[in-house]
Amino acid sequence: MYFTDRGIEELAARRGDEEVSFEWLAEQLRAFVDLNPDFETPVERLATWLARLDDDED
């Protein structure tokens, strides 16, 4: 188990019954990066990965 799994598990436990839009998620990611600029690259990678989930792999 990765250390980040604890945060993911907390997210699922606390917010798992909620429905959110990707627009809401994008706003939260922007706000997080504004407060934590050192995390810009990992957030960018996560957002790009999520955006491309349905792309066919070559």
Protein backbone atom coordinates (compact mmCIF):
# COMPACT_ATOMS: atom_id res chain seq x y z
CA MET A 1 0.00 0.00 0.00
CA TYR A 2 1.27 3.43 -0.91
CA PHE A 3 1.18 6.27 1.60
CA THR A 4 -1.23 8.13 -0.72
CA ASP A 5 -3.74 5.30 -0.39
CA ARG A 6 -4.66 6.65 3.05
CA GLY A 7 -5.72 9.94 1.53
CA ILE A 8 -7.64 8.17 -1.23
CA GLU A 9 -9.38 5.98 1.34
CA GLU A 10 -10.28 9.05 3.41
CA LEU A 11 -11.67 10.76 0.30
CA ALA A 12 -13.83 7.74 -0.51
CA ALA A 13 -15.03 7.41 3.09
CA ARG A 14 -15.87 11.09 3.55
CA ARG A 15 -17.10 12.01 0.06
CA GLY A 16 -17.90 8.65 -1.54
CA ASP A 17 -21.66 9.19 -1.60
CA GLU A 18 -21.43 12.61 -3.27
CA GLU A 19 -21.72 13.29 -6.98
CA VAL A 20 -19.44 15.95 -8.45
CA SER A 21 -18.83 17.29 -11.92
CA PHE A 22 -15.48 17.37 -13.62
CA GLU A 23 -15.83 21.16 -13.69
CA TRP A 24 -16.02 21.13 -9.87
CA LEU A 25 -13.01 18.81 -9.71
CA ALA A 26 -11.04 21.06 -12.06
CA GLU A 27 -11.80 24.09 -9.86
CA GLN A 28 -10.64 22.22 -6.76
CA LEU A 29 -7.42 21.16 -8.48
CA ARG A 30 -6.77 24.77 -9.56
CA ALA A 31 -7.38 26.00 -6.01
CA PHE A 32 -5.06 23.31 -4.62
CA VAL A 33 -2.26 24.27 -7.02
CA ASP A 34 -2.74 27.96 -6.19
CA LEU A 35 -2.21 27.10 -2.52
CA ASN A 36 0.51 24.48 -3.20
CA PRO A 37 2.49 25.47 -6.31
CA ASP A 38 5.06 22.75 -5.68
CA PHE A 39 2.38 20.22 -6.66
CA GLU A 40 1.70 21.75 -10.08
CA THR A 41 3.43 18.94 -12.01
CA PRO A 42 1.78 16.00 -10.20
CA VAL A 43 -1.65 17.65 -10.47
CA GLU A 44 -1.05 18.29 -14.17
CA ARG A 45 -0.10 14.64 -14.67
CA LEU A 46 -3.19 13.43 -12.79
CA ALA A 47 -5.49 15.74 -14.75
CA THR A 48 -3.97 14.66 -18.07
CA TRP A 49 -4.24 10.99 -17.11
CA LEU A 50 -7.90 11.41 -16.14
CA ALA A 51 -8.64 13.32 -19.34
CA ARG A 52 -7.14 10.58 -21.51
CA LEU A 53 -8.55 7.46 -19.78
CA ASP A 54 -10.68 6.53 -22.77
CA ASP A 55 -7.98 7.09 -25.41
CA ASP A 56 -6.93 4.03 -27.33
CA GLU A 57 -3.43 2.92 -26.51
CA ASP A 58 -1.17 2.52 -29.53
